[in-house]
Amino acid sequence: MSAERITQAMDRIDRALSRIETQAALSRHSSNASSDNDDAGDSVLAQRHEALREQVESSLAELDTLIESLER
């Protein structure tokens, strides 16, 4: 994989993470604004968020490893 393709891939990842962060912020804002806040729903959402965060963290670590191996 060329350096340019790696850079493009990293840019796409950064943009995707930005979109995820934006949606998470909008969701939090929307949840705070709603008057019928459901604690059970919040718990499920928090669990899903944590699972997604762990998956993203794992994927980024894998990408780091792949990029390091290409730089050698």
C-alpha atoms as a PDB file:
ATOM      1  CA  MET A   1       0.000   0.000   0.000  1.00  0.00           C
ATOM      2  CA  SER A   2       1.465   3.334  -1.003  1.00  0.00           C
ATOM      3  CA  ALA A   3       1.894   6.216   1.386  1.00  0.00           C
ATOM      4  CA  GLU A   4      -0.767   8.156  -0.509  1.00  0.00           C
ATOM      5  CA  ARG A   5      -3.313   5.352  -0.106  1.00  0.00           C
ATOM      6  CA  ILE A   6      -2.498   5.085   3.589  1.00  0.00           C
ATOM      7  CA  THR A   7      -3.010   8.813   3.988  1.00  0.00           C
ATOM      8  CA  GLN A   8      -6.314   8.622   2.122  1.00  0.00           C
ATOM      9  CA  ALA A   9      -7.450   5.726   4.307  1.00  0.00           C
ATOM     10  CA  MET A  10      -6.522   7.598   7.469  1.00  0.00           C
ATOM     11  CA  ASP A  11      -8.390  10.677   6.197  1.00  0.00           C
ATOM     12  CA  ARG A  12     -11.504   8.562   5.566  1.00  0.00           C
ATOM     13  CA  ILE A  13     -11.233   7.116   9.073  1.00  0.00           C
ATOM     14  CA  ASP A  14     -10.868  10.599  10.576  1.00  0.00           C
ATOM     15  CA  ARG A  15     -13.932  11.818   8.675  1.00  0.00           C
ATOM     16  CA  ALA A  16     -15.936   8.767   9.771  1.00  0.00           C
ATOM     17  CA  LEU A  17     -14.954   9.308  13.404  1.00  0.00           C
ATOM     18  CA  SER A  18     -15.965  12.961  13.116  1.00  0.00           C
ATOM     19  CA  ARG A  19     -19.380  11.932  11.801  1.00  0.00           C
ATOM     20  CA  ILE A  20     -19.775   9.443  14.649  1.00  0.00           C
ATOM     21  CA  GLU A  21     -18.831  12.084  17.217  1.00  0.00           C
ATOM     22  CA  THR A  22     -21.266  14.564  15.680  1.00  0.00           C
ATOM     23  CA  GLN A  23     -24.109  12.066  15.760  1.00  0.00           C
ATOM     24  CA  ALA A  24     -23.280  11.105  19.347  1.00  0.00           C
ATOM     25  CA  ALA A  25     -23.334  14.766  20.384  1.00  0.00           C
ATOM     26  CA  LEU A  26     -26.637  15.330  18.585  1.00  0.00           C
ATOM     27  CA  SER A  27     -28.063  12.231  20.241  1.00  0.00           C
ATOM     28  CA  ARG A  28     -26.961  13.391  23.689  1.00  0.00           C
ATOM     29  CA  HIS A  29     -28.435  16.827  23.034  1.00  0.00           C
ATOM     30  CA  SER A  30     -31.683  15.280  21.829  1.00  0.00           C
ATOM     31  CA  SER A  31     -31.841  12.939  24.837  1.00  0.00           C
ATOM     32  CA  ASN A  32     -31.234  15.805  27.254  1.00  0.00           C
ATOM     33  CA  ALA A  33     -33.947  17.864  25.586  1.00  0.00           C
ATOM     34  CA  SER A  34     -36.599  15.142  25.725  1.00  0.00           C
ATOM     35  CA  SER A  35     -38.860  15.127  28.745  1.00  0.00           C
ATOM     36  CA  ASP A  36     -39.497  11.355  28.801  1.00  0.00           C
ATOM     37  CA  ASN A  37     -35.922  10.192  29.401  1.00  0.00           C
ATOM     38  CA  ASP A  38     -35.930   6.395  29.772  1.00  0.00           C
ATOM     39  CA  ASP A  39     -33.188   5.084  32.085  1.00  0.00           C
ATOM     40  CA  ALA A  40     -33.406   1.544  30.680  1.00  0.00           C
ATOM     41  CA  GLY A  41     -33.058   2.890  27.148  1.00  0.00           C
ATOM     42  CA  ASP A  42     -30.077   4.964  28.245  1.00  0.00           C
ATOM     43  CA  SER A  43     -28.458   1.877  29.749  1.00  0.00           C
ATOM     44  CA  VAL A  44     -28.874  -0.099  26.533  1.00  0.00           C
ATOM     45  CA  LEU A  45     -27.560   2.829  24.522  1.00  0.00           C
ATOM     46  CA  ALA A  46     -24.549   3.153  26.820  1.00  0.00           C
ATOM     47  CA  GLN A  47     -23.794  -0.554  26.424  1.00  0.00           C
ATOM     48  CA  ARG A  48     -24.073  -0.311  22.634  1.00  0.00           C
ATOM     49  CA  HIS A  49     -21.843   2.752  22.653  1.00  0.00           C
ATOM     50  CA  GLU A  50     -19.196   0.952  24.706  1.00  0.00           C
ATOM     51  CA  ALA A  51     -19.290  -2.082  22.396  1.00  0.00           C
ATOM     52  CA  LEU A  52     -18.927   0.156  19.338  1.00  0.00           C
ATOM     53  CA  ARG A  53     -16.104   2.095  20.972  1.00  0.00           C
ATOM     54  CA  GLU A  54     -14.259  -1.140  21.685  1.00  0.00           C
ATOM     55  CA  GLN A  55     -14.727  -2.314  18.087  1.00  0.00           C
ATOM     56  CA  VAL A  56     -13.429   0.979  16.712  1.00  0.00           C
ATOM     57  CA  GLU A  57     -10.467   0.898  19.100  1.00  0.00           C
ATOM     58  CA  SER A  58      -9.639  -2.642  17.982  1.00  0.00           C
ATOM     59  CA  SER A  59      -9.926  -1.713  14.311  1.00  0.00           C
ATOM     60  CA  LEU A  60      -7.690   1.318  14.748  1.00  0.00           C
ATOM     61  CA  ALA A  61      -5.090  -0.797  16.551  1.00  0.00           C
ATOM     62  CA  GLU A  62      -5.184  -3.284  13.682  1.00  0.00           C
ATOM     63  CA  LEU A  63      -4.754  -0.461  11.168  1.00  0.00           C
ATOM     64  CA  ASP A  64      -1.807   0.892  13.157  1.00  0.00           C
ATOM     65  CA  THR A  65      -0.181  -2.542  13.058  1.00  0.00           C
ATOM     66  CA  LEU A  66      -0.741  -2.851   9.314  1.00  0.00           C
ATOM     67  CA  ILE A  67       0.632   0.614   8.656  1.00  0.00           C
ATOM     68  CA  GLU A  68       3.695  -0.073  10.794  1.00  0.00           C
ATOM     69  CA  SER A  69       4.368  -3.297   8.903  1.00  0.00           C
ATOM     70  CA  LEU A  70       4.139  -1.435   5.579  1.00  0.00           C
ATOM     71  CA  GLU A  71       6.611   1.209   6.734  1.00  0.00           C
ATOM     72  CA  ARG A  72       9.297  -1.426   7.308  1.00  0.00           C
END
